[in-house]
């Protein structure tokens, strides 16, 4: 039974979950209690370390897009929105989640939580402190599961927590500037949009001290220590260091960090994993497979959605001549967004920067034309008989533009503080666009998606440090400024083709951490 209580050194300990949450998460690296797991670029998961409960068994389903290592269990987020778990299951913490709407997973000590695409959080497993209670606010964009508490990052930049609160670890953060959250041990940390970190809760070892370097792009709270991924590729840690778990990493090539109970791991830009700290179960052994990744972006298929929408629109006819005229105008704008010689479609999910704004502008005009057919307030052009079909066209056009922006956001690397700001601004524009869309202002929403795309293209891509517009898409070599990198652009990521349109929303929300 002592084995199941786990490491009562020096007090009660958190069993680690995956790295930072939300916008700059490395969902593919997770340092757990006495094991470590990494997402591979083929959609499998490799784990190493203690395996008394099967928690370090590999996952070879080929459809994983995220992983989280808990105390004695491990969970993988799948590309169909479900979650599969393995390892110890004494209180249901390793039960699967089959709702098809999960976009993030965090495995705690004895409970597991999923961020859902509707902005809620579902949890299961141990609940003696209320840590597995659901969150139904509809505004969560990130989740992190600690030992006895759970926290959610909200879309207003605040953090809400629930569960055990003896040390204040479940107190809310209301600064309005949080862009990431990590809850572990008996403390919680938030990454702020100025590149600093604020923490609260248990602090006997300095693990809840703030970090004010202004250069952090990721945070991971461990058992009694905290680590920060810096924009120069190094890792800074603070807190308890009896096993060396809080030693810094100065290799300059880290793209993700995860702090475990008494060990820390960094994902490197060569696809390997470097770990340090306690190694009694082999959890701090390195992984040298060269194929570990932070994430596996799913190309959006934006162009295909536009093409199918155009074909459906071309098949529609209206008995109202004025309505038909608006439909024909919309068809013209859609055709121009797809075939205009000024616009370069790199593939089904990417457009070249030059004249890229025109895609959004043409589709905004198409939507404005279609809204005249669909909205009864436009009496001369309204056609009730085809309103459902027109509404569907408007929705799909907006979907395609949202995906075009979100794909680029998901592939950006936050290598500098400037990148961090651009990605944060891109996400904010997407969120504002969603509000416009909910209000029925689809043309304004498309403007918001364009602004999100504009911010994302200024961030760094691949390992080059150049922005998206620096890349020469007509070349086939591989150097920043005059190279065409293989897509997707993220360092070690791999493309997983997903053509089923019903999964578009999951893909988008996953990409922005919503």
Protein backbone atom coordinates (compact mmCIF):
# COMPACT_ATOMS: atom_id res chain seq x y z
CA UNK A 1 0.00 0.00 0.00
CA UNK A 2 2.92 2.37 0.63
CA UNK A 3 3.71 2.03 -3.03
CA UNK A 4 0.28 3.44 -3.83
CA UNK A 5 0.73 6.43 -1.51
CA UNK A 6 3.88 7.37 -3.44
CA UNK A 7 6.82 9.33 -2.16
CA UNK A 8 5.88 10.90 1.14
CA UNK A 9 9.02 13.03 0.87
CA UNK A 10 8.84 15.61 2.32
CA UNK A 11 5.02 15.86 2.69
CA UNK A 12 2.10 14.91 0.43
CA UNK A 13 3.11 15.05 -3.22
CA UNK A 14 1.50 15.73 -6.54
CA UNK A 15 1.68 13.14 -9.23
CA UNK A 16 2.67 15.04 -12.32
CA UNK A 17 0.66 15.44 -15.48
CA UNK A 18 1.63 16.90 -18.82
CA UNK A 19 3.35 20.20 -19.47
CA UNK A 20 1.91 23.70 -19.68
CA UNK A 21 -1.70 24.13 -20.62
CA UNK A 22 -3.37 26.12 -23.38
CA UNK A 23 -1.76 28.30 -25.98
CA UNK A 24 1.87 27.17 -25.72
CA UNK A 25 1.45 23.65 -24.42
CA UNK A 26 3.77 20.80 -25.30
CA UNK A 27 1.05 18.16 -25.24
CA UNK A 28 3.51 15.50 -26.40
CA UNK A 29 5.77 15.39 -23.31
CA UNK A 30 4.71 14.38 -19.81
CA UNK A 31 6.81 13.55 -16.75
CA UNK A 32 4.74 11.56 -14.27
CA UNK A 33 5.29 10.06 -10.84
CA UNK A 34 8.04 7.58 -11.71
CA UNK A 35 7.57 7.41 -15.46
CA UNK A 36 7.83 9.63 -18.51
CA UNK A 37 5.88 9.54 -21.77
CA UNK A 38 6.42 11.08 -25.19
CA UNK A 39 4.15 11.45 -28.20
CA UNK A 40 5.79 10.15 -31.38
CA UNK A 41 5.34 11.54 -34.85
CA UNK A 42 3.55 8.39 -36.00
CA UNK A 43 0.72 8.88 -33.52
CA UNK A 44 2.05 6.36 -31.03
CA UNK A 45 3.21 6.94 -27.44
CA UNK A 46 6.47 5.75 -25.87
CA UNK A 47 6.86 5.56 -22.08
CA UNK A 48 9.72 4.60 -19.80
CA UNK A 49 10.37 4.25 -16.07
CA UNK A 50 8.44 2.37 -13.38
CA UNK A 51 5.80 0.03 -14.78
CA UNK A 52 4.31 -1.74 -11.76
CA UNK A 53 0.76 -1.01 -12.93
CA UNK A 54 1.38 -1.03 -16.67
CA UNK A 55 1.58 2.77 -16.74
CA UNK A 56 4.72 2.70 -18.91
CA UNK A 57 3.30 0.36 -21.54
CA UNK A 58 3.45 1.86 -25.03
CA UNK A 59 0.43 2.96 -27.03
CA UNK A 60 0.60 1.84 -30.64
CA UNK A 61 -2.78 2.91 -31.99
CA UNK A 62 -1.26 5.48 -34.35
CA UNK A 63 -3.99 8.03 -33.58
CA UNK A 64 -2.67 9.82 -30.47
CA UNK A 65 -2.26 13.60 -30.58
CA UNK A 66 -1.48 14.22 -26.90
CA UNK A 67 -0.30 12.35 -23.80
CA UNK A 68 -0.41 12.86 -20.05
CA UNK A 69 1.44 10.76 -17.45
CA UNK A 70 -0.15 10.65 -14.00
CA UNK A 71 0.92 8.85 -10.86
CA UNK A 72 0.47 5.23 -11.92
CA UNK A 73 -1.62 5.77 -15.03
CA UNK A 74 -1.21 7.33 -18.45
CA UNK A 75 -3.76 8.81 -20.85
CA UNK A 76 -3.62 9.62 -24.55
CA UNK A 77 -5.82 12.08 -26.40
CA UNK A 78 -6.90 10.58 -29.72
CA UNK A 79 -7.62 12.39 -32.96
CA UNK A 80 -11.31 11.41 -32.80
CA UNK A 81 -11.81 13.39 -29.59
CA UNK A 82 -11.76 10.36 -27.31
CA UNK A 83 -9.29 9.50 -24.53
CA UNK A 84 -7.76 6.14 -23.76
CA UNK A 85 -5.94 5.43 -20.49
CA UNK A 86 -3.89 2.58 -19.08
CA UNK A 87 -2.24 1.67 -15.78
CA UNK A 88 -3.64 1.68 -12.26
CA UNK A 89 -7.42 2.09 -12.12
CA UNK A 90 -8.33 1.75 -8.45
CA UNK A 91 -10.84 4.62 -8.48
CA UNK A 92 -11.70 4.80 -12.18
CA UNK A 93 -8.90 7.21 -13.09
CA UNK A 94 -7.96 5.05 -16.09
CA UNK A 95 -11.48 4.71 -17.47
CA UNK A 96 -11.75 5.81 -21.10
CA UNK A 97 -13.57 8.91 -22.27
CA UNK A 98 -15.66 8.30 -25.36
CA UNK A 99 -17.51 11.57 -25.78
CA UNK A 100 -15.68 12.43 -29.00
CA UNK A 101 -15.32 16.07 -27.93
CA UNK A 102 -12.12 16.11 -25.85
CA UNK A 103 -9.38 18.51 -26.95
CA UNK A 104 -6.95 18.19 -24.04
CA UNK A 105 -6.23 15.62 -21.32
CA UNK A 106 -4.51 15.90 -17.95
CA UNK A 107 -3.86 12.89 -15.71
CA UNK A 108 -3.50 13.71 -12.01
CA UNK A 109 -2.61 11.42 -9.15
CA UNK A 110 -5.91 9.59 -8.88
CA UNK A 111 -8.09 11.53 -11.28
CA UNK A 112 -8.13 12.54 -14.93
CA UNK A 113 -9.63 15.61 -16.59
CA UNK A 114 -10.55 16.47 -20.16
CA UNK A 115 -11.07 19.88 -21.70
CA UNK A 116 -14.09 19.67 -23.98
CA UNK A 117 -14.63 21.64 -27.15
CA UNK A 118 -17.66 23.42 -25.65
CA UNK A 119 -15.40 25.07 -23.07
CA UNK A 120 -16.36 22.76 -20.23
CA UNK A 121 -14.20 20.33 -18.25
CA UNK A 122 -15.06 16.70 -17.45
CA UNK A 123 -13.16 14.78 -14.77
CA UNK A 124 -13.29 11.24 -13.42
CA UNK A 125 -11.59 9.20 -10.71
CA UNK A 126 -10.98 10.10 -7.08
CA UNK A 127 -13.18 12.96 -5.86
CA UNK A 128 -12.84 13.17 -2.08
CA UNK A 129 -11.79 16.83 -2.30
CA UNK A 130 -14.08 17.75 -5.17
CA UNK A 131 -11.14 17.63 -7.60
CA UNK A 132 -13.18 15.59 -10.10
CA UNK A 133 -16.20 17.86 -10.11
CA UNK A 134 -17.04 19.10 -13.60
CA UNK A 135 -16.62 22.69 -14.74
CA UNK A 136 -19.54 23.87 -16.83
CA UNK A 137 -18.73 27.53 -17.39
CA UNK A 138 -18.29 27.07 -21.13
CA UNK A 139 -15.28 29.40 -21.20
CA UNK A 140 -12.35 27.10 -20.41
CA UNK A 141 -9.45 26.99 -22.88
CA UNK A 142 -7.01 24.93 -20.83
CA UNK A 143 -7.01 22.45 -17.94
CA UNK A 144 -4.46 21.09 -15.49
CA UNK A 145 -5.02 18.38 -12.90
CA UNK A 146 -2.99 18.45 -9.70
CA UNK A 147 -2.84 15.96 -6.89
CA UNK A 148 -6.06 16.97 -5.12
CA UNK A 149 -7.07 20.03 -7.16
CA UNK A 150 -7.91 21.00 -10.72
CA UNK A 151 -7.57 24.31 -12.54
CA UNK A 152 -8.94 25.71 -15.77
CA UNK A 153 -7.60 28.59 -17.83
CA UNK A 154 -10.48 30.81 -18.95
CA UNK A 155 -10.79 32.76 -22.16
CA UNK A 156 -10.74 36.07 -20.27
CA UNK A 157 -7.19 35.44 -19.04
CA UNK A 158 -8.23 34.33 -15.57
CA UNK A 159 -7.77 30.95 -13.84
CA UNK A 160 -10.39 29.13 -11.79
CA UNK A 161 -9.58 26.13 -9.57
CA UNK A 162 -11.47 23.64 -7.44
CA UNK A 163 -10.66 20.85 -4.98
CA UNK A 164 -8.25 20.76 -2.05
CA UNK A 165 -7.25 24.27 -0.95
CA UNK A 166 -5.37 23.97 2.34
CA UNK A 167 -2.35 25.81 0.91
CA UNK A 168 -4.36 28.18 -1.25
CA UNK A 169 -3.53 26.21 -4.38
CA UNK A 170 -7.17 26.36 -5.52
CA UNK A 171 -7.50 30.10 -5.14
CA UNK A 172 -8.50 31.83 -8.38
CA UNK A 173 -6.25 34.08 -10.43
CA UNK A 174 -8.07 37.16 -11.69
CA UNK A 175 -5.32 39.13 -13.36
CA UNK A 176 -6.83 38.74 -16.82
CA UNK A 177 -3.44 38.16 -18.42
CA UNK A 178 -2.90 34.41 -18.06
CA UNK A 179 -2.19 32.41 -21.21
CA UNK A 180 -1.20 29.10 -19.62
CA UNK A 181 -1.80 27.16 -16.41
CA UNK A 182 -0.05 24.28 -14.66
CA UNK A 183 -1.38 22.81 -11.40
CA UNK A 184 0.65 20.19 -9.62
CA UNK A 185 1.71 19.20 -6.11
CA UNK A 186 0.03 21.67 -3.83
CA UNK A 187 0.73 24.72 -5.99
CA UNK A 188 -0.49 26.30 -9.21
CA UNK A 189 1.32 28.46 -11.74
CA UNK A 190 0.11 30.71 -14.55
CA UNK A 191 2.08 31.85 -17.56
CA UNK A 192 1.35 35.53 -18.22
CA UNK A 193 1.27 37.32 -21.53
CA UNK A 194 4.34 39.41 -20.60
CA UNK A 195 6.53 36.29 -20.41
CA UNK A 196 6.50 36.10 -16.62
CA UNK A 197 5.10 33.43 -14.29
CA UNK A 198 3.04 33.81 -11.13
CA UNK A 199 2.43 30.92 -8.74
CA UNK A 200 0.38 30.34 -5.61
CA UNK A 201 -0.09 27.62 -3.02
CA UNK A 202 2.45 25.56 -1.05
CA UNK A 203 5.84 27.31 -1.04
CA UNK A 204 8.07 25.73 1.59
CA UNK A 205 10.73 25.03 -1.04
CA UNK A 206 10.29 28.17 -3.13
CA UNK A 207 8.32 26.31 -5.80
CA UNK A 208 5.65 29.02 -5.81
CA UNK A 209 8.05 31.92 -6.16
CA UNK A 210 7.35 34.08 -9.22
CA UNK A 211 9.52 34.16 -12.32
CA UNK A 212 10.01 37.65 -13.69
CA UNK A 213 12.48 37.17 -16.51
CA UNK A 214 9.97 38.14 -19.17
CA UNK A 215 11.31 35.42 -21.46
CA UNK A 216 9.19 32.42 -20.55
CA UNK A 217 7.08 30.68 -23.18
CA UNK A 218 5.97 27.64 -21.17
CA UNK A 219 5.50 26.64 -17.53
CA UNK A 220 5.29 23.28 -15.78
CA UNK A 221 4.72 22.87 -12.05
CA UNK A 222 6.18 19.71 -10.55
CA UNK A 223 5.87 18.02 -7.19
CA UNK A 224 7.89 20.55 -5.22
CA UNK A 225 9.54 22.46 -8.04
CA UNK A 226 8.56 24.50 -11.06
CA UNK A 227 10.21 24.80 -14.47
CA UNK A 228 10.00 27.38 -17.23
CA UNK A 229 10.74 26.96 -20.92
CA UNK A 230 12.59 30.09 -22.05
CA UNK A 231 12.53 31.71 -25.45
CA UNK A 232 16.24 30.93 -25.98
CA UNK A 233 15.62 27.18 -25.81
CA UNK A 234 16.86 26.80 -22.26
CA UNK A 235 14.96 25.66 -19.15
CA UNK A 236 14.99 27.41 -15.77
CA UNK A 237 13.73 25.63 -12.64
CA UNK A 238 13.26 26.59 -9.01
CA UNK A 239 12.14 24.91 -5.81
CA UNK A 240 13.23 21.69 -4.09
CA UNK A 241 16.39 20.24 -5.64
CA UNK A 242 17.42 17.25 -3.56
CA UNK A 243 17.61 15.03 -6.66
CA UNK A 244 18.82 17.72 -9.03
CA UNK A 245 15.34 18.10 -10.52
CA UNK A 246 15.60 21.90 -10.35
CA UNK A 247 18.91 22.15 -12.13
CA UNK A 248 18.77 24.34 -15.24
CA UNK A 249 19.05 23.08 -18.81
CA UNK A 250 21.23 25.29 -20.98
CA UNK A 251 21.35 23.36 -24.22
CA UNK A 252 19.47 26.04 -26.14
CA UNK A 253 17.43 23.46 -28.05
CA UNK A 254 14.44 22.74 -25.79
CA UNK A 255 10.96 23.15 -27.31
CA UNK A 256 8.95 21.69 -24.42
CA UNK A 257 9.32 21.00 -20.70
CA UNK A 258 7.50 18.84 -18.17
CA UNK A 259 8.23 18.77 -14.45
CA UNK A 260 7.44 15.48 -12.75
CA UNK A 261 7.33 14.64 -9.08
CA UNK A 262 11.10 14.54 -8.60
CA UNK A 263 12.39 14.71 -12.15
CA UNK A 264 12.22 17.05 -15.13
CA UNK A 265 12.26 16.39 -18.86
CA UNK A 266 12.80 18.60 -21.90
CA UNK A 267 11.76 17.81 -25.45
CA UNK A 268 14.55 18.85 -27.80
CA UNK A 269 14.21 20.14 -31.33
CA UNK A 270 15.89 17.02 -32.71
CA UNK A 271 13.01 14.86 -31.51
CA UNK A 272 14.86 13.46 -28.49
CA UNK A 273 14.01 13.84 -24.79
CA UNK A 274 16.53 14.82 -22.11
CA UNK A 275 15.67 14.26 -18.42
CA UNK A 276 17.31 14.97 -15.09
CA UNK A 277 16.55 14.39 -11.40
CA UNK A 278 15.48 11.27 -9.52
CA UNK A 279 15.93 8.13 -11.59
CA UNK A 280 15.06 5.23 -9.31
CA UNK A 281 12.70 3.71 -11.88
CA UNK A 282 14.48 4.83 -15.03
CA UNK A 283 12.09 7.77 -15.46
CA UNK A 284 15.01 10.16 -16.09
CA UNK A 285 16.61 8.04 -18.78
CA UNK A 286 16.91 9.86 -22.11
CA UNK A 287 14.81 9.08 -25.17
CA UNK A 288 16.93 9.12 -28.32
CA UNK A 289 14.46 7.98 -30.95
CA UNK A 290 14.51 11.33 -32.73
CA UNK A 291 10.74 11.20 -33.36
CA UNK A 292 9.20 12.74 -30.24
CA UNK A 293 6.95 15.73 -30.90
CA UNK A 294 5.06 18.38 -28.95
CA UNK A 295 1.98 17.94 -31.10
CA UNK A 296 0.60 16.43 -34.27
CA UNK A 297 -1.32 19.09 -36.17
CA UNK A 298 -4.20 17.83 -38.25
CA UNK A 299 -4.36 19.72 -41.54
CA UNK A 300 -7.66 21.48 -41.76
CA UNK A 301 -8.68 20.75 -45.33
CA UNK A 302 -9.76 24.38 -45.63
CA UNK A 303 -9.52 24.46 -49.42
CA UNK A 304 -11.53 21.26 -49.78
CA UNK A 305 -14.30 22.72 -47.60
CA UNK A 306 -14.38 25.82 -49.78
CA UNK A 307 -14.52 23.73 -52.96
CA UNK A 308 -17.36 21.57 -51.67
CA UNK A 309 -19.24 24.68 -50.55
CA UNK A 310 -18.79 26.24 -53.98
CA UNK A 311 -20.08 23.11 -55.72
CA UNK A 312 -23.13 22.99 -53.43
CA UNK A 313 -23.82 26.66 -54.00
CA UNK A 314 -23.60 26.28 -57.75
CA UNK A 315 -26.31 23.62 -57.59
CA UNK A 316 -28.76 25.98 -55.87
CA UNK A 317 -31.32 28.02 -57.77
CA UNK A 318 -33.81 30.60 -56.56
CA UNK A 319 -37.12 31.59 -58.13
CA UNK A 320 -36.41 35.09 -56.82
CA UNK A 321 -34.33 36.79 -59.52
CA UNK A 322 -32.76 39.22 -57.07
CA UNK A 323 -31.85 36.38 -54.72
CA UNK A 324 -30.29 34.47 -57.61
CA UNK A 325 -28.25 37.52 -58.50
CA UNK A 326 -26.79 37.58 -54.95
CA UNK A 327 -26.04 33.85 -55.17
CA UNK A 328 -24.22 34.38 -58.45
CA UNK A 329 -22.17 37.17 -56.90
CA UNK A 330 -21.25 34.88 -54.01
CA UNK A 331 -20.21 32.16 -56.45
CA UNK A 332 -17.94 34.66 -58.20
CA UNK A 333 -16.25 35.67 -54.95
CA UNK A 334 -15.71 32.04 -53.91
CA UNK A 335 -14.27 31.14 -57.28
CA UNK A 336 -11.88 34.07 -57.05
CA UNK A 337 -10.70 32.98 -53.58
CA UNK A 338 -9.84 29.57 -54.98
CA UNK A 339 -8.56 30.25 -58.50
CA UNK A 340 -7.38 33.84 -58.75
CA UNK A 341 -3.87 33.87 -60.21
CA UNK A 342 -2.69 36.29 -57.50
CA UNK A 343 -3.50 33.78 -54.76
CA UNK A 344 -1.18 30.82 -54.14
CA UNK A 345 -2.63 27.79 -52.36
CA UNK A 346 0.42 25.93 -51.02
CA UNK A 347 -1.68 22.91 -50.16
CA UNK A 348 -5.16 22.18 -48.85
CA UNK A 349 -4.46 23.99 -45.58
CA UNK A 350 -2.07 26.86 -46.36
CA UNK A 351 -1.96 29.98 -48.50
CA UNK A 352 1.13 32.02 -49.35
CA UNK A 353 1.43 35.35 -47.54
CA UNK A 354 1.39 37.50 -50.66
CA UNK A 355 -2.24 38.32 -51.47
CA UNK A 356 -3.33 35.89 -48.72
CA UNK A 357 -5.64 38.53 -47.29
CA UNK A 358 -7.61 38.35 -50.53
CA UNK A 359 -8.90 34.89 -49.67
CA UNK A 360 -10.59 36.18 -46.54
CA UNK A 361 -11.78 39.36 -48.26
CA UNK A 362 -13.42 37.49 -51.15
CA UNK A 363 -15.16 35.11 -48.80
CA UNK A 364 -16.35 37.94 -46.59
CA UNK A 365 -18.05 39.44 -49.66
CA UNK A 366 -19.53 36.03 -50.57
CA UNK A 367 -21.00 35.73 -47.08
CA UNK A 368 -22.47 39.23 -47.27
CA UNK A 369 -24.19 38.27 -50.54
CA UNK A 370 -25.56 35.05 -49.07
CA UNK A 371 -26.82 36.76 -45.92
CA UNK A 372 -29.05 38.91 -48.14
CA UNK A 373 -30.69 35.70 -49.37
CA UNK A 374 -30.92 34.12 -45.92
CA UNK A 375 -32.00 37.06 -43.74
CA UNK A 376 -35.72 38.03 -43.85
CA UNK A 377 -34.89 41.67 -43.24
CA UNK A 378 -33.68 41.84 -46.85
CA UNK A 379 -37.18 41.57 -48.29
CA UNK A 380 -36.22 41.94 -51.95
CA UNK A 381 -33.57 39.21 -51.92
CA UNK A 382 -34.85 36.86 -49.19
CA UNK A 383 -35.75 33.31 -50.26
CA UNK A 384 -37.21 31.19 -47.46
CA UNK A 385 -37.23 28.04 -49.60
CA UNK A 386 -33.44 27.82 -49.73
CA UNK A 387 -32.62 29.54 -46.42
CA UNK A 388 -31.44 26.29 -44.68
CA UNK A 389 -29.08 25.50 -47.53
CA UNK A 390 -27.75 29.06 -47.67
CA UNK A 391 -27.22 29.12 -43.90
CA UNK A 392 -25.23 25.90 -44.25
CA UNK A 393 -23.08 27.51 -46.96
CA UNK A 394 -22.40 30.56 -44.77
CA UNK A 395 -21.40 28.33 -41.86
CA UNK A 396 -19.03 26.24 -43.97
CA UNK A 397 -17.35 29.26 -45.53
CA UNK A 398 -16.74 30.69 -42.06
CA UNK A 399 -15.53 27.26 -40.90
CA UNK A 400 -13.00 27.12 -43.70
CA UNK A 401 -11.59 30.57 -42.91
CA UNK A 402 -11.40 29.78 -39.22
CA UNK A 403 -9.50 26.60 -40.00
CA UNK A 404 -7.15 28.40 -42.37
CA UNK A 405 -6.15 30.74 -39.54
CA UNK A 406 -6.11 28.15 -36.78
CA UNK A 407 -3.89 25.75 -38.74
CA UNK A 408 -1.22 28.42 -39.02
CA UNK A 409 -1.58 29.25 -35.31
CA UNK A 410 -1.15 25.59 -34.36
CA UNK A 411 2.08 25.29 -36.35
CA UNK A 412 3.81 28.36 -34.93
CA UNK A 413 6.75 28.01 -32.56
CA UNK A 414 7.01 30.56 -29.74
CA UNK A 415 10.78 30.98 -30.03
CA UNK A 416 10.87 34.59 -28.84
CA UNK A 417 8.81 36.95 -26.72
CA UNK A 418 7.65 38.56 -29.98
CA UNK A 419 6.36 35.17 -31.16
CA UNK A 420 4.57 34.71 -27.85
CA UNK A 421 2.75 38.01 -28.32
CA UNK A 422 1.84 37.30 -31.94
CA UNK A 423 0.36 33.90 -31.08
CA UNK A 424 -1.51 35.32 -28.08
CA UNK A 425 -2.89 38.13 -30.28
CA UNK A 426 -3.87 35.61 -32.94
CA UNK A 427 -5.82 33.58 -30.41
CA UNK A 428 -7.56 36.68 -29.10
CA UNK A 429 -8.68 37.62 -32.61
CA UNK A 430 -10.09 34.12 -33.12
CA UNK A 431 -11.98 34.35 -29.83
CA UNK A 432 -13.43 37.76 -30.74
CA UNK A 433 -14.41 36.37 -34.12
CA UNK A 434 -16.28 33.55 -32.40
CA UNK A 435 -18.24 36.12 -30.40
CA UNK A 436 -19.17 37.91 -33.63
CA UNK A 437 -20.18 34.62 -35.16
CA UNK A 438 -22.39 33.75 -32.20
CA UNK A 439 -24.09 37.12 -32.69
CA UNK A 440 -24.73 36.24 -36.33
CA UNK A 441 -22.14 38.68 -37.72
CA UNK A 442 -20.41 36.20 -40.00
CA UNK A 443 -18.77 38.89 -42.14
CA UNK A 444 -17.18 40.45 -39.04
CA UNK A 445 -16.13 36.97 -37.90
CA UNK A 446 -14.26 36.38 -41.15
CA UNK A 447 -12.46 39.69 -40.63
CA UNK A 448 -11.42 38.37 -37.21
CA UNK A 449 -10.12 35.12 -38.69
CA UNK A 450 -8.09 37.17 -41.16
CA UNK A 451 -6.57 39.19 -38.32
CA UNK A 452 -5.72 35.96 -36.48
CA UNK A 453 -4.00 34.63 -39.61
CA UNK A 454 -2.09 37.90 -39.99
CA UNK A 455 -0.71 37.63 -36.45
CA UNK A 456 0.14 33.94 -36.79
CA UNK A 457 2.13 34.41 -39.99
CA UNK A 458 4.49 36.76 -38.08
CA UNK A 459 5.51 34.07 -35.58
CA UNK A 460 8.46 31.71 -35.99
CA UNK A 461 8.18 28.43 -37.85
CA UNK A 462 10.03 25.15 -37.79
CA UNK A 463 13.44 25.44 -36.09
CA UNK A 464 14.60 28.31 -38.28
CA UNK A 465 13.38 31.32 -36.33
CA UNK A 466 12.04 32.90 -39.51
CA UNK A 467 8.42 33.85 -39.86
CA UNK A 468 5.98 32.25 -42.26
CA UNK A 469 6.36 35.02 -44.84
CA UNK A 470 10.16 34.62 -44.90
CA UNK A 471 9.76 31.16 -46.37
CA UNK A 472 10.10 30.86 -50.15
CA UNK A 473 7.29 28.53 -51.11
CA UNK A 474 8.52 28.22 -54.67
CA UNK A 475 11.82 26.65 -53.61
CA UNK A 476 12.31 23.04 -52.53
CA UNK A 477 15.46 23.31 -50.39
CA UNK A 478 15.44 23.78 -46.67
CA UNK A 479 17.00 27.01 -45.38
CA UNK A 480 15.22 29.93 -43.76
CA UNK A 481 14.53 32.72 -46.19
CA UNK A 482 14.91 30.65 -49.31
CA UNK A 483 13.45 27.32 -48.40
CA UNK A 484 10.25 25.41 -48.46
CA UNK A 485 9.99 23.26 -45.29
CA UNK A 486 7.96 20.10 -45.40
CA UNK A 487 4.49 20.64 -43.98
CA UNK A 488 3.35 20.87 -41.29
CA UNK A 489 5.90 23.48 -40.27
CA UNK A 490 6.20 22.64 -36.58
CA UNK A 491 9.64 21.28 -35.65
CA UNK A 492 9.20 17.53 -35.43
CA UNK A 493 5.49 17.27 -36.11
CA UNK A 494 3.88 15.03 -38.67
CA UNK A 495 0.78 15.33 -40.80
CA UNK A 496 -2.19 13.15 -39.92
CA UNK A 497 -4.73 13.47 -42.70
CA UNK A 498 -8.29 13.81 -41.52
CA UNK A 499 -10.80 14.29 -44.30
CA UNK A 500 -14.00 13.74 -42.37
CA UNK A 501 -15.61 17.19 -42.24
CA UNK A 502 -17.45 16.33 -39.05
CA UNK A 503 -14.12 16.51 -37.23
CA UNK A 504 -13.21 20.01 -38.37
CA UNK A 505 -14.26 21.71 -35.15
CA UNK A 506 -12.22 19.34 -32.99
CA UNK A 507 -9.16 19.99 -35.16
CA UNK A 508 -9.56 23.76 -34.91
CA UNK A 509 -10.19 23.91 -31.18
CA UNK A 510 -7.28 21.58 -30.55
CA UNK A 511 -4.99 23.87 -32.47
CA UNK A 512 -5.70 26.99 -30.41
CA UNK A 513 -6.06 25.22 -27.07
CA UNK A 514 -9.76 26.07 -26.78
